[in-house]
Amino acid sequence: MHAAQQSFVDGWRQAMWIGAVVMAALLVHVALRGTKNTAPLQPEPLQPDGRTAP
């Protein structure tokens, strides 16, 4: 029984380290890539008939 519990804990620990490494890599990727969103921050004003202004 002890061997099964230890195997479970060892596997859990390894999975947590792998998850932490993946999250760190994603953080570095996002930090270096920066934002590429070119959309305006505010929506375009609407005309009285509900269409967007040209």
PDB file of N, CA and C in Angstrom:
ATOM      1  N   MET A   1       0.829  -1.189   0.000  1.00  0.00           N
ATOM      2  CA  MET A   1       0.000   0.000   0.000  1.00  0.00           C
ATOM      3  C   MET A   1       0.877   1.258   0.000  1.00  0.00           C
ATOM      4  N   HIS A   2       1.943   1.213   0.769  1.00  0.00           N
ATOM      5  CA  HIS A   2       2.826   2.390   0.839  1.00  0.00           C
ATOM      6  C   HIS A   2       3.461   2.673  -0.521  1.00  0.00           C
ATOM      7  N   ALA A   3       3.822   1.625  -1.257  1.00  0.00           N
ATOM      8  CA  ALA A   3       4.441   1.806  -2.571  1.00  0.00           C
ATOM      9  C   ALA A   3       3.457   2.466  -3.541  1.00  0.00           C
ATOM     10  N   ALA A   4       2.191   2.090  -3.474  1.00  0.00           N
ATOM     11  CA  ALA A   4       1.188   2.697  -4.355  1.00  0.00           C
ATOM     12  C   ALA A   4       0.999   4.169  -4.016  1.00  0.00           C
ATOM     13  N   GLN A   5       0.938   4.489  -2.736  1.00  0.00           N
ATOM     14  CA  GLN A   5       0.796   5.892  -2.330  1.00  0.00           C
ATOM     15  C   GLN A   5       2.006   6.710  -2.764  1.00  0.00           C
ATOM     16  N   GLN A   6       3.187   6.165  -2.603  1.00  0.00           N
ATOM     17  CA  GLN A   6       4.406   6.886  -2.983  1.00  0.00           C
ATOM     18  C   GLN A   6       4.469   7.091  -4.494  1.00  0.00           C
ATOM     19  N   SER A   7       4.032   6.098  -5.257  1.00  0.00           N
ATOM     20  CA  SER A   7       3.996   6.234  -6.717  1.00  0.00           C
ATOM     21  C   SER A   7       3.034   7.344  -7.124  1.00  0.00           C
ATOM     22  N   PHE A   8       1.877   7.411  -6.460  1.00  0.00           N
ATOM     23  CA  PHE A   8       0.905   8.464  -6.755  1.00  0.00           C
ATOM     24  C   PHE A   8       1.496   9.833  -6.468  1.00  0.00           C
ATOM     25  N   VAL A   9       2.141   9.994  -5.337  1.00  0.00           N
ATOM     26  CA  VAL A   9       2.735  11.275  -4.962  1.00  0.00           C
ATOM     27  C   VAL A   9       3.865  11.641  -5.923  1.00  0.00           C
ATOM     28  N   ASP A  10       4.680  10.685  -6.298  1.00  0.00           N
ATOM     29  CA  ASP A  10       5.770  10.959  -7.245  1.00  0.00           C
ATOM     30  C   ASP A  10       5.227  11.410  -8.599  1.00  0.00           C
ATOM     31  N   GLY A  11       4.194  10.743  -9.083  1.00  0.00           N
ATOM     32  CA  GLY A  11       3.585  11.136 -10.348  1.00  0.00           C
ATOM     33  C   GLY A  11       2.950  12.506 -10.273  1.00  0.00           C
ATOM     34  N   TRP A  12       2.286  12.791  -9.178  1.00  0.00           N
ATOM     35  CA  TRP A  12       1.656  14.100  -8.975  1.00  0.00           C
ATOM     36  C   TRP A  12       2.717  15.190  -8.952  1.00  0.00           C
ATOM     37  N   ARG A  13       3.798  14.945  -8.259  1.00  0.00           N
ATOM     38  CA  ARG A  13       4.871  15.938  -8.165  1.00  0.00           C
ATOM     39  C   ARG A  13       5.478  16.214  -9.548  1.00  0.00           C
ATOM     40  N   GLN A  14       5.704  15.166 -10.316  1.00  0.00           N
ATOM     41  CA  GLN A  14       6.268  15.339 -11.656  1.00  0.00           C
ATOM     42  C   GLN A  14       5.297  16.111 -12.556  1.00  0.00           C
ATOM     43  N   ALA A  15       4.020  15.807 -12.475  1.00  0.00           N
ATOM     44  CA  ALA A  15       3.026  16.522 -13.281  1.00  0.00           C
ATOM     45  C   ALA A  15       2.960  17.994 -12.887  1.00  0.00           C
ATOM     46  N   MET A  16       3.093  18.295 -11.625  1.00  0.00           N
ATOM     47  CA  MET A  16       3.062  19.699 -11.187  1.00  0.00           C
ATOM     48  C   MET A  16       4.277  20.457 -11.699  1.00  0.00           C
ATOM     49  N   TRP A  17       5.443  19.835 -11.688  1.00  0.00           N
ATOM     50  CA  TRP A  17       6.647  20.497 -12.214  1.00  0.00           C
ATOM     51  C   TRP A  17       6.532  20.741 -13.719  1.00  0.00           C
ATOM     52  N   ILE A  18       5.991  19.767 -14.430  1.00  0.00           N
ATOM     53  CA  ILE A  18       5.806  19.938 -15.876  1.00  0.00           C
ATOM     54  C   ILE A  18       4.827  21.077 -16.143  1.00  0.00           C
ATOM     55  N   GLY A  19       3.751  21.136 -15.381  1.00  0.00           N
ATOM     56  CA  GLY A  19       2.783  22.226 -15.528  1.00  0.00           C
ATOM     57  C   GLY A  19       3.408  23.576 -15.233  1.00  0.00           C
ATOM     58  N   ALA A  20       4.246  23.652 -14.216  1.00  0.00           N
ATOM     59  CA  ALA A  20       4.902  24.916 -13.874  1.00  0.00           C
ATOM     60  C   ALA A  20       5.853  25.356 -14.985  1.00  0.00           C
ATOM     61  N   VAL A  21       6.560  24.411 -15.589  1.00  0.00           N
ATOM     62  CA  VAL A  21       7.479  24.744 -16.681  1.00  0.00           C
ATOM     63  C   VAL A  21       6.698  25.237 -17.900  1.00  0.00           C
ATOM     64  N   VAL A  22       5.591  24.576 -18.215  1.00  0.00           N
ATOM     65  CA  VAL A  22       4.775  25.004 -19.351  1.00  0.00           C
ATOM     66  C   VAL A  22       4.219  26.407 -19.113  1.00  0.00           C
ATOM     67  N   MET A  23       3.729  26.676 -17.924  1.00  0.00           N
ATOM     68  CA  MET A  23       3.185  28.003 -17.613  1.00  0.00           C
ATOM     69  C   MET A  23       4.275  29.073 -17.680  1.00  0.00           C
ATOM     70  N   ALA A  24       5.472  28.771 -17.212  1.00  0.00           N
ATOM     71  CA  ALA A  24       6.573  29.730 -17.283  1.00  0.00           C
ATOM     72  C   ALA A  24       6.951  30.006 -18.735  1.00  0.00           C
ATOM     73  N   ALA A  25       6.968  28.976 -19.562  1.00  0.00           N
ATOM     74  CA  ALA A  25       7.284  29.171 -20.982  1.00  0.00           C
ATOM     75  C   ALA A  25       6.223  30.027 -21.658  1.00  0.00           C
ATOM     76  N   LEU A  26       4.964  29.796 -21.335  1.00  0.00           N
ATOM     77  CA  LEU A  26       3.901  30.618 -21.907  1.00  0.00           C
ATOM     78  C   LEU A  26       3.992  32.059 -21.436  1.00  0.00           C
ATOM     79  N   LEU A  27       4.344  32.277 -20.194  1.00  0.00           N
ATOM     80  CA  LEU A  27       4.503  33.632 -19.673  1.00  0.00           C
ATOM     81  C   LEU A  27       5.617  34.367 -20.417  1.00  0.00           C
ATOM     82  N   VAL A  28       6.740  33.702 -20.633  1.00  0.00           N
ATOM     83  CA  VAL A  28       7.852  34.315 -21.371  1.00  0.00           C
ATOM     84  C   VAL A  28       7.426  34.606 -22.799  1.00  0.00           C
ATOM     85  N   HIS A  29       6.723  33.684 -23.430  1.00  0.00           N
ATOM     86  CA  HIS A  29       6.264  33.879 -24.805  1.00  0.00           C
ATOM     87  C   HIS A  29       5.357  35.107 -24.909  1.00  0.00           C
ATOM     88  N   VAL A  30       4.391  35.217 -24.018  1.00  0.00           N
ATOM     89  CA  VAL A  30       3.459  36.350 -24.052  1.00  0.00           C
ATOM     90  C   VAL A  30       4.186  37.645 -23.720  1.00  0.00           C
ATOM     91  N   ALA A  31       5.104  37.612 -22.790  1.00  0.00           N
ATOM     92  CA  ALA A  31       5.832  38.829 -22.412  1.00  0.00           C
ATOM     93  C   ALA A  31       6.712  39.322 -23.557  1.00  0.00           C
ATOM     94  N   LEU A  32       7.341  38.425 -24.292  1.00  0.00           N
ATOM     95  CA  LEU A  32       8.209  38.829 -25.389  1.00  0.00           C
ATOM     96  C   LEU A  32       7.431  39.195 -26.647  1.00  0.00           C
ATOM     97  N   ARG A  33       6.315  38.544 -26.866  1.00  0.00           N
ATOM     98  CA  ARG A  33       5.523  38.803 -28.059  1.00  0.00           C
ATOM     99  C   ARG A  33       4.832  40.150 -27.988  1.00  0.00           C
ATOM    100  N   GLY A  34       4.390  40.533 -26.821  1.00  0.00           N
ATOM    101  CA  GLY A  34       3.685  41.793 -26.669  1.00  0.00           C
ATOM    102  C   GLY A  34       2.295  41.730 -27.250  1.00  0.00           C
ATOM    103  N   THR A  35       1.627  42.855 -27.223  1.00  0.00           N
ATOM    104  CA  THR A  35       0.273  42.914 -27.757  1.00  0.00           C
ATOM    105  C   THR A  35       0.318  43.279 -29.236  1.00  0.00           C
ATOM    106  N   LYS A  36      -0.500  42.610 -30.021  1.00  0.00           N
ATOM    107  CA  LYS A  36      -0.571  42.896 -31.447  1.00  0.00           C
ATOM    108  C   LYS A  36      -1.987  43.291 -31.829  1.00  0.00           C
ATOM    109  N   ASN A  37      -2.761  43.682 -30.836  1.00  0.00           N
ATOM    110  CA  ASN A  37      -4.143  44.055 -31.082  1.00  0.00           C
ATOM    111  C   ASN A  37      -4.172  45.456 -31.684  1.00  0.00           C
ATOM    112  N   THR A  38      -4.648  45.584 -32.914  1.00  0.00           N
ATOM    113  CA  THR A  38      -4.703  46.882 -33.567  1.00  0.00           C
ATOM    114  C   THR A  38      -6.118  47.441 -33.600  1.00  0.00           C
ATOM    115  N   ALA A  39      -7.053  46.750 -32.997  1.00  0.00           N
ATOM    116  CA  ALA A  39      -8.431  47.220 -32.971  1.00  0.00           C
ATOM    117  C   ALA A  39      -8.534  48.449 -32.072  1.00  0.00           C
ATOM    118  N   PRO A  40      -9.418  49.379 -32.406  1.00  0.00           N
ATOM    119  CA  PRO A  40      -9.585  50.554 -31.553  1.00  0.00           C
ATOM    120  C   PRO A  40     -10.108  50.153 -30.175  1.00  0.00           C
ATOM    121  N   LEU A  41      -9.733  50.920 -29.174  1.00  0.00           N
ATOM    122  CA  LEU A  41     -10.147  50.610 -27.813  1.00  0.00           C
ATOM    123  C   LEU A  41     -11.608  50.963 -27.569  1.00  0.00           C
ATOM    124  N   GLN A  42     -12.123  51.949 -28.296  1.00  0.00           N
ATOM    125  CA  GLN A  42     -13.504  52.359 -28.120  1.00  0.00           C
ATOM    126  C   GLN A  42     -14.273  52.033 -29.401  1.00  0.00           C
ATOM    127  N   PRO A  43     -15.524  51.646 -29.274  1.00  0.00           N
ATOM    128  CA  PRO A  43     -16.308  51.365 -30.479  1.00  0.00           C
ATOM    129  C   PRO A  43     -16.566  52.647 -31.261  1.00  0.00           C
ATOM    130  N   GLU A  44     -16.798  52.474 -32.544  1.00  0.00           N
ATOM    131  CA  GLU A  44     -17.097  53.628 -33.379  1.00  0.00           C
ATOM    132  C   GLU A  44     -18.449  54.208 -32.988  1.00  0.00           C
ATOM    133  N   PRO A  45     -18.602  55.527 -33.072  1.00  0.00           N
ATOM    134  CA  PRO A  45     -19.902  56.125 -32.720  1.00  0.00           C
ATOM    135  C   PRO A  45     -20.979  55.703 -33.724  1.00  0.00           C
ATOM    136  N   LEU A  46     -22.194  55.595 -33.240  1.00  0.00           N
ATOM    137  CA  LEU A  46     -23.306  55.213 -34.093  1.00  0.00           C
ATOM    138  C   LEU A  46     -23.999  56.451 -34.640  1.00  0.00           C
ATOM    139  N   GLN A  47     -24.482  56.334 -35.859  1.00  0.00           N
ATOM    140  CA  GLN A  47     -25.299  57.390 -36.438  1.00  0.00           C
ATOM    141  C   GLN A  47     -26.713  57.251 -35.876  1.00  0.00           C
ATOM    142  N   PRO A  48     -27.538  58.278 -36.052  1.00  0.00           N
ATOM    143  CA  PRO A  48     -28.901  58.204 -35.499  1.00  0.00           C
ATOM    144  C   PRO A  48     -29.701  57.000 -35.985  1.00  0.00           C
ATOM    145  N   ASP A  49     -29.396  56.481 -37.168  1.00  0.00           N
ATOM    146  CA  ASP A  49     -30.165  55.327 -37.662  1.00  0.00           C
ATOM    147  C   ASP A  49     -29.579  53.996 -37.184  1.00  0.00           C
ATOM    148  N   GLY A  50     -28.531  54.024 -36.370  1.00  0.00           N
ATOM    149  CA  GLY A  50     -27.959  52.814 -35.786  1.00  0.00           C
ATOM    150  C   GLY A  50     -26.766  52.256 -36.513  1.00  0.00           C
ATOM    151  N   ARG A  51     -26.427  52.838 -37.679  1.00  0.00           N
ATOM    152  CA  ARG A  51     -25.254  52.378 -38.409  1.00  0.00           C
ATOM    153  C   ARG A  51     -24.007  53.018 -37.826  1.00  0.00           C
ATOM    154  N   THR A  52     -22.848  52.404 -38.086  1.00  0.00           N
ATOM    155  CA  THR A  52     -21.602  53.001 -37.631  1.00  0.00           C
ATOM    156  C   THR A  52     -21.200  54.120 -38.580  1.00  0.00           C
ATOM    157  N   ALA A  53     -20.526  55.122 -38.035  1.00  0.00           N
ATOM    158  CA  ALA A  53     -20.084  56.259 -38.846  1.00  0.00           C
ATOM    159  C   ALA A  53     -18.970  55.802 -39.778  1.00  0.00           C
ATOM    160  N   PRO A  54     -18.888  56.365 -40.995  1.00  0.00           N
ATOM    161  CA  PRO A  54     -17.827  55.960 -41.941  1.00  0.00           C
ATOM    162  C   PRO A  54     -16.462  56.415 -41.501  1.00  0.00           C
TER     163      PRO A  54
END
